[in-house]
């Protein structure tokens, strides 16, 4: 039923012309979050959706969960897969404070655990899991392409620490 609503709204969204979408006016705003929540997506607080647009935006919002503080840039959340004529749908999960950078893609059944990051042009295959605090890069992103080790909550990446912060932590 929501799919029918989604298809009906999609035709109304393009009233500005064939290459225009009304949702582009709401990129990165709370209005876009409310729109996808109305279509069935489970979206937490302080979430930023598509500040630079996306093509497509969420195709099956009712199968997507995005937790607090996540940012989805010009990325694809794809909850379907069509393999040799077999069409399947499964849920997607984006954890707390996760980031999906430009042209990254999360496919059906994939999970991003809290504070994980997908770099530009990164593909996470169906049913794959990006571990907590992990940064991935690659098409597809395999275990060999992990570019940072997991962080614990409260840890700062080495690039963000200053000598003063290191001195404080070494005294403790």
N, C-alpha and C. Protein backbone atom coordinates (compact mmCIF):
# COMPACT_ATOMS: atom_id res chain seq x y z
N UNK A 1 0.82 -1.18 0.00
CA UNK A 1 0.00 0.00 0.00
C UNK A 1 0.87 1.25 0.00
N UNK A 2 1.93 1.23 0.81
CA UNK A 2 2.81 2.40 0.82
C UNK A 2 3.50 2.58 -0.52
N UNK A 3 3.78 1.46 -1.20
CA UNK A 3 4.40 1.53 -2.51
C UNK A 3 3.51 2.30 -3.49
N UNK A 4 2.21 2.06 -3.43
CA UNK A 4 1.27 2.79 -4.29
C UNK A 4 1.28 4.28 -3.96
N UNK A 5 1.32 4.62 -2.66
CA UNK A 5 1.42 6.02 -2.25
C UNK A 5 2.72 6.63 -2.77
N UNK A 6 3.81 5.89 -2.64
CA UNK A 6 5.11 6.38 -3.11
C UNK A 6 5.07 6.67 -4.62
N UNK A 7 4.50 5.74 -5.40
CA UNK A 7 4.42 5.94 -6.85
C UNK A 7 3.53 7.13 -7.21
N UNK A 8 2.44 7.32 -6.48
CA UNK A 8 1.55 8.46 -6.72
C UNK A 8 2.25 9.77 -6.42
N UNK A 9 2.98 9.81 -5.31
CA UNK A 9 3.69 11.04 -4.95
C UNK A 9 4.84 11.33 -5.90
N UNK A 10 5.46 10.29 -6.43
CA UNK A 10 6.59 10.48 -7.35
C UNK A 10 6.15 11.24 -8.60
N UNK A 11 4.97 10.96 -9.11
CA UNK A 11 4.51 11.68 -10.30
C UNK A 11 4.19 13.12 -9.97
N UNK A 12 3.70 13.41 -8.78
CA UNK A 12 3.41 14.78 -8.37
C UNK A 12 4.69 15.58 -8.12
N UNK A 13 5.74 14.88 -7.64
CA UNK A 13 6.99 15.56 -7.33
C UNK A 13 7.66 16.15 -8.55
N UNK A 14 7.42 15.60 -9.74
CA UNK A 14 8.09 16.05 -10.95
C UNK A 14 7.33 17.13 -11.71
N UNK A 15 6.49 17.89 -11.03
CA UNK A 15 5.69 18.91 -11.72
C UNK A 15 6.53 20.01 -12.35
N UNK A 16 7.79 20.17 -11.95
CA UNK A 16 8.63 21.24 -12.47
C UNK A 16 9.27 20.87 -13.80
N UNK A 17 9.13 19.66 -14.22
CA UNK A 17 9.72 19.23 -15.48
C UNK A 17 10.28 17.83 -15.36
N UNK A 18 10.73 17.26 -16.46
CA UNK A 18 11.18 15.86 -16.44
C UNK A 18 12.44 15.61 -15.62
N UNK A 19 13.33 16.58 -15.52
CA UNK A 19 14.59 16.37 -14.78
C UNK A 19 14.59 17.06 -13.42
N UNK A 20 13.43 17.50 -12.96
CA UNK A 20 13.35 18.20 -11.68
C UNK A 20 12.50 17.40 -10.70
N UNK A 21 12.84 17.51 -9.44
CA UNK A 21 12.09 16.83 -8.39
C UNK A 21 11.86 17.83 -7.27
N UNK A 22 10.63 17.92 -6.82
CA UNK A 22 10.29 18.87 -5.77
C UNK A 22 11.09 18.60 -4.50
N UNK A 23 11.47 17.35 -4.25
CA UNK A 23 12.23 17.03 -3.04
C UNK A 23 13.60 17.69 -3.02
N UNK A 24 14.11 18.08 -4.19
CA UNK A 24 15.41 18.76 -4.24
C UNK A 24 15.40 20.07 -3.46
N UNK A 25 14.23 20.66 -3.31
CA UNK A 25 14.14 21.92 -2.54
C UNK A 25 14.31 21.68 -1.04
N UNK A 26 14.18 20.44 -0.61
CA UNK A 26 14.22 20.13 0.82
C UNK A 26 15.46 19.34 1.22
N UNK A 27 16.46 19.28 0.37
CA UNK A 27 17.68 18.52 0.66
C UNK A 27 18.27 18.92 2.01
N UNK A 28 18.62 17.91 2.79
CA UNK A 28 19.30 18.16 4.05
C UNK A 28 18.43 18.74 5.16
N UNK A 29 17.14 18.93 4.91
CA UNK A 29 16.28 19.58 5.91
C UNK A 29 15.43 18.57 6.67
N UNK A 30 14.84 19.04 7.74
CA UNK A 30 13.94 18.21 8.54
C UNK A 30 12.70 17.83 7.74
N UNK A 31 12.31 18.66 6.76
CA UNK A 31 11.13 18.35 5.94
C UNK A 31 11.32 17.05 5.17
N UNK A 32 12.53 16.81 4.69
CA UNK A 32 12.81 15.57 3.97
C UNK A 32 12.73 14.35 4.90
N UNK A 33 13.21 14.53 6.12
CA UNK A 33 13.10 13.46 7.13
C UNK A 33 11.63 13.15 7.39
N UNK A 34 10.81 14.19 7.56
CA UNK A 34 9.38 13.98 7.81
C UNK A 34 8.71 13.28 6.63
N UNK A 35 9.11 13.64 5.42
CA UNK A 35 8.54 13.01 4.22
C UNK A 35 8.81 11.51 4.21
N UNK A 36 10.07 11.12 4.46
CA UNK A 36 10.40 9.70 4.44
C UNK A 36 9.81 8.96 5.65
N UNK A 37 9.66 9.63 6.78
CA UNK A 37 8.97 9.01 7.91
C UNK A 37 7.51 8.73 7.54
N UNK A 38 6.88 9.67 6.85
CA UNK A 38 5.48 9.48 6.42
C UNK A 38 5.35 8.29 5.47
N UNK A 39 6.42 7.98 4.73
CA UNK A 39 6.40 6.84 3.82
C UNK A 39 6.81 5.54 4.51
N UNK A 40 7.07 5.60 5.82
CA UNK A 40 7.34 4.38 6.58
C UNK A 40 8.75 4.16 7.05
N UNK A 41 9.68 5.05 6.71
CA UNK A 41 11.06 4.89 7.18
C UNK A 41 11.14 5.16 8.68
N UNK A 42 11.98 4.41 9.36
CA UNK A 42 12.22 4.65 10.79
C UNK A 42 13.50 5.47 10.89
N UNK A 43 13.33 6.75 11.22
CA UNK A 43 14.46 7.68 11.21
C UNK A 43 14.56 8.35 12.58
N UNK A 44 15.76 8.35 13.15
CA UNK A 44 16.00 8.92 14.47
C UNK A 44 16.11 10.44 14.46
N UNK A 45 16.65 10.97 15.55
CA UNK A 45 16.81 12.41 15.71
C UNK A 45 18.12 12.88 15.08
N UNK A 46 18.18 14.15 14.72
CA UNK A 46 19.38 14.81 14.19
C UNK A 46 19.96 14.08 12.98
N UNK A 47 19.10 13.59 12.10
CA UNK A 47 19.54 12.90 10.89
C UNK A 47 19.54 13.88 9.73
N UNK A 48 20.60 13.86 8.95
CA UNK A 48 20.69 14.70 7.75
C UNK A 48 20.58 13.81 6.52
N UNK A 49 19.56 14.04 5.71
CA UNK A 49 19.34 13.23 4.51
C UNK A 49 19.62 14.03 3.25
N UNK A 50 20.49 13.51 2.43
CA UNK A 50 20.73 14.00 1.07
C UNK A 50 20.98 15.51 0.96
N UNK A 51 21.95 16.06 1.70
CA UNK A 51 22.21 17.51 1.57
C UNK A 51 22.66 17.91 0.16
N UNK A 52 23.21 16.97 -0.60
CA UNK A 52 23.63 17.23 -1.98
C UNK A 52 22.75 16.50 -2.99
N UNK A 53 21.57 16.05 -2.54
CA UNK A 53 20.66 15.33 -3.43
C UNK A 53 21.03 13.87 -3.53
N UNK A 54 20.28 13.15 -4.36
CA UNK A 54 20.56 11.73 -4.62
C UNK A 54 19.70 11.28 -5.77
N UNK A 55 20.19 10.32 -6.52
CA UNK A 55 19.42 9.75 -7.61
C UNK A 55 19.70 8.26 -7.67
N UNK A 56 18.84 7.43 -7.12
CA UNK A 56 17.57 7.74 -6.48
C UNK A 56 17.75 8.02 -4.99
N UNK A 57 16.74 8.71 -4.41
CA UNK A 57 16.68 8.77 -2.95
C UNK A 57 16.18 7.39 -2.53
N UNK A 58 15.80 7.20 -1.29
CA UNK A 58 15.36 5.88 -0.82
C UNK A 58 14.29 5.31 -1.73
N UNK A 59 14.48 4.09 -2.21
CA UNK A 59 13.49 3.48 -3.10
C UNK A 59 12.43 2.69 -2.34
N UNK A 60 12.76 2.16 -1.17
CA UNK A 60 11.80 1.43 -0.33
C UNK A 60 11.92 1.95 1.10
N UNK A 61 11.41 3.15 1.36
CA UNK A 61 11.61 3.75 2.69
C UNK A 61 11.05 2.92 3.85
N UNK A 62 10.00 2.14 3.61
CA UNK A 62 9.42 1.35 4.70
C UNK A 62 10.33 0.23 5.17
N UNK A 63 11.40 -0.06 4.45
CA UNK A 63 12.35 -1.11 4.83
C UNK A 63 13.65 -0.55 5.40
N UNK A 64 13.70 0.78 5.61
CA UNK A 64 14.95 1.44 6.03
C UNK A 64 14.83 1.94 7.47
N UNK A 65 15.88 1.67 8.25
CA UNK A 65 16.01 2.22 9.60
C UNK A 65 17.30 3.03 9.65
N UNK A 66 17.17 4.29 10.08
CA UNK A 66 18.33 5.17 10.23
C UNK A 66 18.29 5.71 11.65
N UNK A 67 19.34 5.46 12.42
CA UNK A 67 19.35 5.86 13.82
C UNK A 67 19.87 7.29 14.01
N UNK A 68 19.84 7.76 15.24
CA UNK A 68 20.18 9.14 15.60
C UNK A 68 21.55 9.58 15.07
N UNK A 69 21.60 10.81 14.58
CA UNK A 69 22.84 11.46 14.21
C UNK A 69 23.49 10.99 12.93
N UNK A 70 22.81 10.18 12.13
CA UNK A 70 23.40 9.69 10.89
C UNK A 70 23.33 10.75 9.80
N UNK A 71 24.24 10.66 8.84
CA UNK A 71 24.23 11.57 7.69
C UNK A 71 24.36 10.74 6.41
N UNK A 72 23.37 10.88 5.54
CA UNK A 72 23.36 10.19 4.26
C UNK A 72 23.53 11.25 3.19
N UNK A 73 24.70 11.31 2.57
CA UNK A 73 24.96 12.32 1.54
C UNK A 73 24.36 11.82 0.22
N UNK A 74 24.98 12.07 -0.88
CA UNK A 74 24.46 11.67 -2.19
C UNK A 74 24.70 10.17 -2.37
N UNK A 75 24.00 9.37 -1.54
CA UNK A 75 24.22 7.93 -1.47
C UNK A 75 22.93 7.19 -1.78
N UNK A 76 23.04 5.89 -1.98
CA UNK A 76 21.88 5.06 -2.33
C UNK A 76 21.61 4.03 -1.24
N UNK A 77 20.37 4.02 -0.76
CA UNK A 77 19.90 3.01 0.17
C UNK A 77 18.94 2.12 -0.62
N UNK A 78 19.41 0.96 -1.03
CA UNK A 78 18.66 0.09 -1.94
C UNK A 78 18.26 -1.19 -1.20
N UNK A 79 16.96 -1.36 -0.94
CA UNK A 79 16.48 -2.50 -0.18
C UNK A 79 15.98 -3.63 -1.07
N UNK A 80 16.19 -3.53 -2.38
CA UNK A 80 15.75 -4.59 -3.29
C UNK A 80 16.94 -5.14 -4.08
N UNK A 81 16.74 -6.32 -4.63
CA UNK A 81 17.75 -6.93 -5.48
C UNK A 81 17.02 -7.77 -6.52
N UNK A 82 17.44 -7.63 -7.76
CA UNK A 82 16.85 -8.42 -8.84
C UNK A 82 17.98 -9.23 -9.47
N UNK A 83 18.03 -10.51 -9.13
CA UNK A 83 19.08 -11.38 -9.62
C UNK A 83 18.46 -12.45 -10.51
N UNK A 84 18.78 -12.41 -11.78
CA UNK A 84 18.30 -13.38 -12.76
C UNK A 84 16.78 -13.52 -12.69
N UNK A 85 16.09 -12.39 -12.57
CA UNK A 85 14.63 -12.37 -12.57
C UNK A 85 13.99 -12.65 -11.23
N UNK A 86 14.78 -12.91 -10.20
CA UNK A 86 14.23 -13.13 -8.86
C UNK A 86 14.34 -11.82 -8.09
N UNK A 87 13.19 -11.23 -7.78
CA UNK A 87 13.14 -9.94 -7.10
C UNK A 87 12.96 -10.17 -5.60
N UNK A 88 13.88 -9.65 -4.78
CA UNK A 88 13.79 -9.81 -3.33
C UNK A 88 13.88 -8.46 -2.65
N UNK A 89 13.20 -8.37 -1.50
CA UNK A 89 13.21 -7.17 -0.67
C UNK A 89 13.68 -7.56 0.73
N UNK A 90 14.53 -6.73 1.33
CA UNK A 90 14.98 -6.95 2.71
C UNK A 90 15.28 -5.61 3.35
N UNK A 91 15.37 -5.62 4.66
CA UNK A 91 15.60 -4.37 5.41
C UNK A 91 17.05 -3.89 5.31
N UNK A 92 17.21 -2.58 5.54
CA UNK A 92 18.52 -1.95 5.66
C UNK A 92 18.60 -1.28 7.02
N UNK A 93 19.78 -1.25 7.60
CA UNK A 93 19.94 -0.62 8.90
C UNK A 93 21.19 0.27 8.89
N UNK A 94 21.00 1.55 9.22
CA UNK A 94 22.11 2.50 9.35
C UNK A 94 22.14 2.91 10.81
N UNK A 95 23.25 2.62 11.49
CA UNK A 95 23.36 2.84 12.92
C UNK A 95 23.59 4.29 13.32
N UNK A 96 23.70 4.48 14.63
CA UNK A 96 23.91 5.79 15.21
C UNK A 96 25.19 6.44 14.69
N UNK A 97 25.11 7.71 14.32
CA UNK A 97 26.25 8.53 13.89
C UNK A 97 27.02 7.93 12.72
N UNK A 98 26.35 7.18 11.86
CA UNK A 98 26.99 6.65 10.65
C UNK A 98 27.00 7.71 9.57
N UNK A 99 27.95 7.58 8.64
CA UNK A 99 28.06 8.50 7.52
C UNK A 99 28.17 7.70 6.23
N UNK A 100 27.35 8.08 5.26
CA UNK A 100 27.46 7.53 3.90
C UNK A 100 27.84 8.69 2.99
N UNK A 101 29.05 8.66 2.45
CA UNK A 101 29.55 9.75 1.61
C UNK A 101 29.02 9.62 0.18
N UNK A 102 29.40 10.55 -0.67
CA UNK A 102 28.91 10.65 -2.04
C UNK A 102 29.13 9.36 -2.82
N UNK A 103 28.08 8.92 -3.49
CA UNK A 103 28.05 7.74 -4.36
C UNK A 103 28.37 6.43 -3.64
N UNK A 104 28.16 6.40 -2.32
CA UNK A 104 28.25 5.12 -1.64
C UNK A 104 26.89 4.43 -1.76
N UNK A 105 26.90 3.11 -1.61
CA UNK A 105 25.66 2.34 -1.83
C UNK A 105 25.58 1.21 -0.81
N UNK A 106 24.44 1.16 -0.13
CA UNK A 106 24.16 0.12 0.85
C UNK A 106 23.05 -0.74 0.28
N UNK A 107 23.32 -2.02 0.07
CA UNK A 107 22.34 -2.90 -0.56
C UNK A 107 21.60 -3.73 0.47
N UNK A 108 20.53 -4.39 0.02
CA UNK A 108 19.59 -5.09 0.89
C UNK A 108 20.26 -5.94 1.96
N UNK A 109 19.64 -5.95 3.14
CA UNK A 109 20.07 -6.73 4.31
C UNK A 109 21.39 -6.26 4.90
N UNK A 110 22.00 -5.23 4.35
CA UNK A 110 23.27 -4.75 4.88
C UNK A 110 23.04 -3.95 6.16
N UNK A 111 24.05 -3.94 7.02
CA UNK A 111 23.96 -3.25 8.29
C UNK A 111 25.21 -2.40 8.47
N UNK A 112 25.00 -1.14 8.85
CA UNK A 112 26.10 -0.28 9.28
C UNK A 112 25.97 -0.12 10.79
N UNK A 113 26.94 -0.62 11.53
CA UNK A 113 26.91 -0.49 12.98
C UNK A 113 27.29 0.94 13.36
N UNK A 114 27.03 1.35 14.62
CA UNK A 114 27.26 2.74 15.04
C UNK A 114 28.65 3.27 14.69
N UNK A 115 28.67 4.54 14.29
CA UNK A 115 29.88 5.32 14.00
C UNK A 115 30.73 4.75 12.87
N UNK A 116 30.13 3.98 11.97
CA UNK A 116 30.87 3.50 10.81
C UNK A 116 30.71 4.49 9.65
N UNK A 117 31.66 4.46 8.71
CA UNK A 117 31.69 5.42 7.61
C UNK A 117 31.93 4.69 6.29
N UNK A 118 31.15 5.04 5.29
CA UNK A 118 31.40 4.57 3.92
C UNK A 118 31.99 5.74 3.15
N UNK A 119 33.19 5.56 2.61
CA UNK A 119 33.82 6.61 1.82
C UNK A 119 33.15 6.75 0.46
N UNK A 120 33.62 7.72 -0.31
CA UNK A 120 33.08 7.95 -1.64
C UNK A 120 33.22 6.71 -2.51
N UNK A 121 32.24 6.47 -3.36
CA UNK A 121 32.25 5.36 -4.32
C UNK A 121 32.49 4.02 -3.62
N UNK A 122 31.69 3.73 -2.60
CA UNK A 122 31.82 2.49 -1.85
C UNK A 122 30.55 1.67 -1.97
N UNK A 123 30.70 0.39 -2.23
CA UNK A 123 29.57 -0.53 -2.36
C UNK A 123 29.63 -1.56 -1.24
N UNK A 124 28.56 -1.64 -0.45
CA UNK A 124 28.42 -2.68 0.56
C UNK A 124 27.44 -3.70 0.00
N UNK A 125 27.90 -4.91 -0.17
CA UNK A 125 27.11 -5.96 -0.79
C UNK A 125 25.98 -6.44 0.11
N UNK A 126 24.98 -7.11 -0.47
CA UNK A 126 23.84 -7.60 0.33
C UNK A 126 24.30 -8.46 1.50
N UNK A 127 23.65 -8.24 2.64
CA UNK A 127 23.88 -8.99 3.88
C UNK A 127 25.25 -8.76 4.51
N UNK A 128 26.00 -7.78 4.04
CA UNK A 128 27.31 -7.47 4.64
C UNK A 128 27.09 -6.59 5.87
N UNK A 129 28.06 -6.58 6.75
CA UNK A 129 27.98 -5.81 7.99
C UNK A 129 29.24 -4.97 8.11
N UNK A 130 29.06 -3.66 8.26
CA UNK A 130 30.17 -2.75 8.51
C UNK A 130 30.27 -2.62 10.02
N UNK A 131 31.41 -3.04 10.58
CA UNK A 131 31.57 -3.10 12.03
C UNK A 131 31.58 -1.71 12.66
N UNK A 132 31.32 -1.65 13.95
CA UNK A 132 31.28 -0.40 14.69
C UNK A 132 32.60 0.37 14.55
N UNK A 133 32.50 1.64 14.17
CA UNK A 133 33.67 2.50 14.04
C UNK A 133 34.52 2.28 12.80
N UNK A 134 34.14 1.35 11.95
CA UNK A 134 34.93 1.00 10.76
C UNK A 134 34.72 2.01 9.64
N UNK A 135 35.77 2.28 8.90
CA UNK A 135 35.69 3.10 7.68
C UNK A 135 35.97 2.17 6.52
N UNK A 136 35.10 2.19 5.51
CA UNK A 136 35.28 1.31 4.36
C UNK A 136 35.36 2.13 3.08
N UNK A 137 36.12 1.60 2.13
CA UNK A 137 36.27 2.24 0.82
C UNK A 137 36.44 1.14 -0.22
N UNK A 138 35.79 1.28 -1.37
CA UNK A 138 35.98 0.33 -2.46
C UNK A 138 34.68 -0.11 -3.09
N UNK A 139 34.78 -0.64 -4.31
CA UNK A 139 33.60 -1.09 -5.06
C UNK A 139 33.85 -2.51 -5.54
N UNK A 140 33.49 -3.55 -4.85
CA UNK A 140 32.87 -3.57 -3.53
C UNK A 140 33.89 -3.39 -2.41
N UNK A 141 33.40 -2.99 -1.26
CA UNK A 141 34.27 -2.77 -0.10
C UNK A 141 34.47 -4.09 0.60
N UNK A 142 35.64 -4.69 0.45
CA UNK A 142 35.94 -5.96 1.11
C UNK A 142 36.65 -5.72 2.41
N UNK A 143 36.87 -6.78 3.13
CA UNK A 143 37.57 -6.67 4.41
C UNK A 143 38.98 -6.10 4.22
N UNK A 144 39.58 -6.31 3.08
CA UNK A 144 40.92 -5.80 2.84
C UNK A 144 40.97 -4.30 2.62
N UNK A 145 39.83 -3.67 2.51
CA UNK A 145 39.80 -2.24 2.22
C UNK A 145 39.36 -1.40 3.40
N UNK A 146 39.46 -1.95 4.60
CA UNK A 146 39.13 -1.19 5.79
C UNK A 146 40.25 -0.17 5.99
N UNK A 147 39.91 1.12 6.07
CA UNK A 147 40.95 2.14 6.13
C UNK A 147 41.11 2.75 7.51
N UNK A 148 40.36 2.30 8.49
CA UNK A 148 40.55 2.76 9.86
C UNK A 148 40.07 1.67 10.80
N UNK A 149 40.65 1.61 11.98
CA UNK A 149 40.24 0.60 12.95
C UNK A 149 39.05 1.11 13.75
N UNK A 150 38.27 0.20 14.32
CA UNK A 150 37.10 0.61 15.10
C UNK A 150 37.46 1.50 16.27
N UNK A 151 36.58 2.46 16.55
CA UNK A 151 36.74 3.36 17.68
C UNK A 151 35.74 3.00 18.75
N UNK A 152 36.12 3.21 19.99
CA UNK A 152 35.15 3.08 21.07
C UNK A 152 34.46 4.42 21.24
N UNK A 153 33.27 4.38 21.80
CA UNK A 153 32.52 5.62 22.03
C UNK A 153 33.36 6.57 22.87
N UNK A 154 33.52 7.80 22.43
CA UNK A 154 34.30 8.78 23.15
C UNK A 154 35.73 8.92 22.65
N UNK A 155 36.23 7.94 21.88
CA UNK A 155 37.58 8.04 21.32
C UNK A 155 37.61 9.06 20.20
N UNK A 156 38.74 9.73 20.04
CA UNK A 156 38.93 10.64 18.93
C UNK A 156 39.88 10.00 17.94
N UNK A 157 39.59 10.10 16.64
CA UNK A 157 40.56 9.61 15.66
C UNK A 157 41.88 10.34 15.81
N UNK A 158 42.98 9.67 15.47
CA UNK A 158 44.31 10.26 15.63
C UNK A 158 44.44 11.60 14.92
N UNK A 159 43.76 11.78 13.80
CA UNK A 159 43.86 13.04 13.06
C UNK A 159 43.24 14.20 13.81
N UNK A 160 42.34 13.92 14.76
CA UNK A 160 41.64 14.98 15.47
C UNK A 160 42.23 15.29 16.83
N UNK A 161 43.21 14.52 17.29
CA UNK A 161 43.77 14.77 18.61
C UNK A 161 44.87 15.82 18.51
N UNK A 162 45.00 16.59 19.57
CA UNK A 162 46.08 17.59 19.65
C UNK A 162 47.07 17.11 20.69
N UNK A 163 48.23 17.73 20.71
CA UNK A 163 49.23 17.32 21.70
C UNK A 163 48.74 17.56 23.12
N UNK A 164 47.91 18.61 23.32
CA UNK A 164 47.36 18.89 24.64
C UNK A 164 46.42 17.75 25.06
N UNK A 165 45.57 17.30 24.15
CA UNK A 165 44.65 16.18 24.46
C UNK A 165 45.44 14.92 24.74
N UNK A 166 46.50 14.66 23.98
CA UNK A 166 47.32 13.46 24.19
C UNK A 166 48.01 13.54 25.57
N UNK A 167 48.44 14.73 25.96
CA UNK A 167 49.09 14.91 27.25
C UNK A 167 48.11 14.62 28.39
N UNK A 168 46.88 15.05 28.24
CA UNK A 168 45.87 14.82 29.28
C UNK A 168 45.58 13.34 29.40
N UNK A 169 45.44 12.64 28.26
CA UNK A 169 45.12 11.21 28.32
C UNK A 169 46.32 10.39 28.81
N UNK A 170 47.55 10.83 28.55
CA UNK A 170 48.72 10.08 29.00
C UNK A 170 48.92 10.21 30.50
N UNK A 171 48.47 11.34 31.12
CA UNK A 171 48.60 11.53 32.56
C UNK A 171 47.61 10.65 33.32
N UNK A 172 46.48 10.35 32.69
CA UNK A 172 45.42 9.58 33.37
C UNK A 172 45.71 8.14 33.47
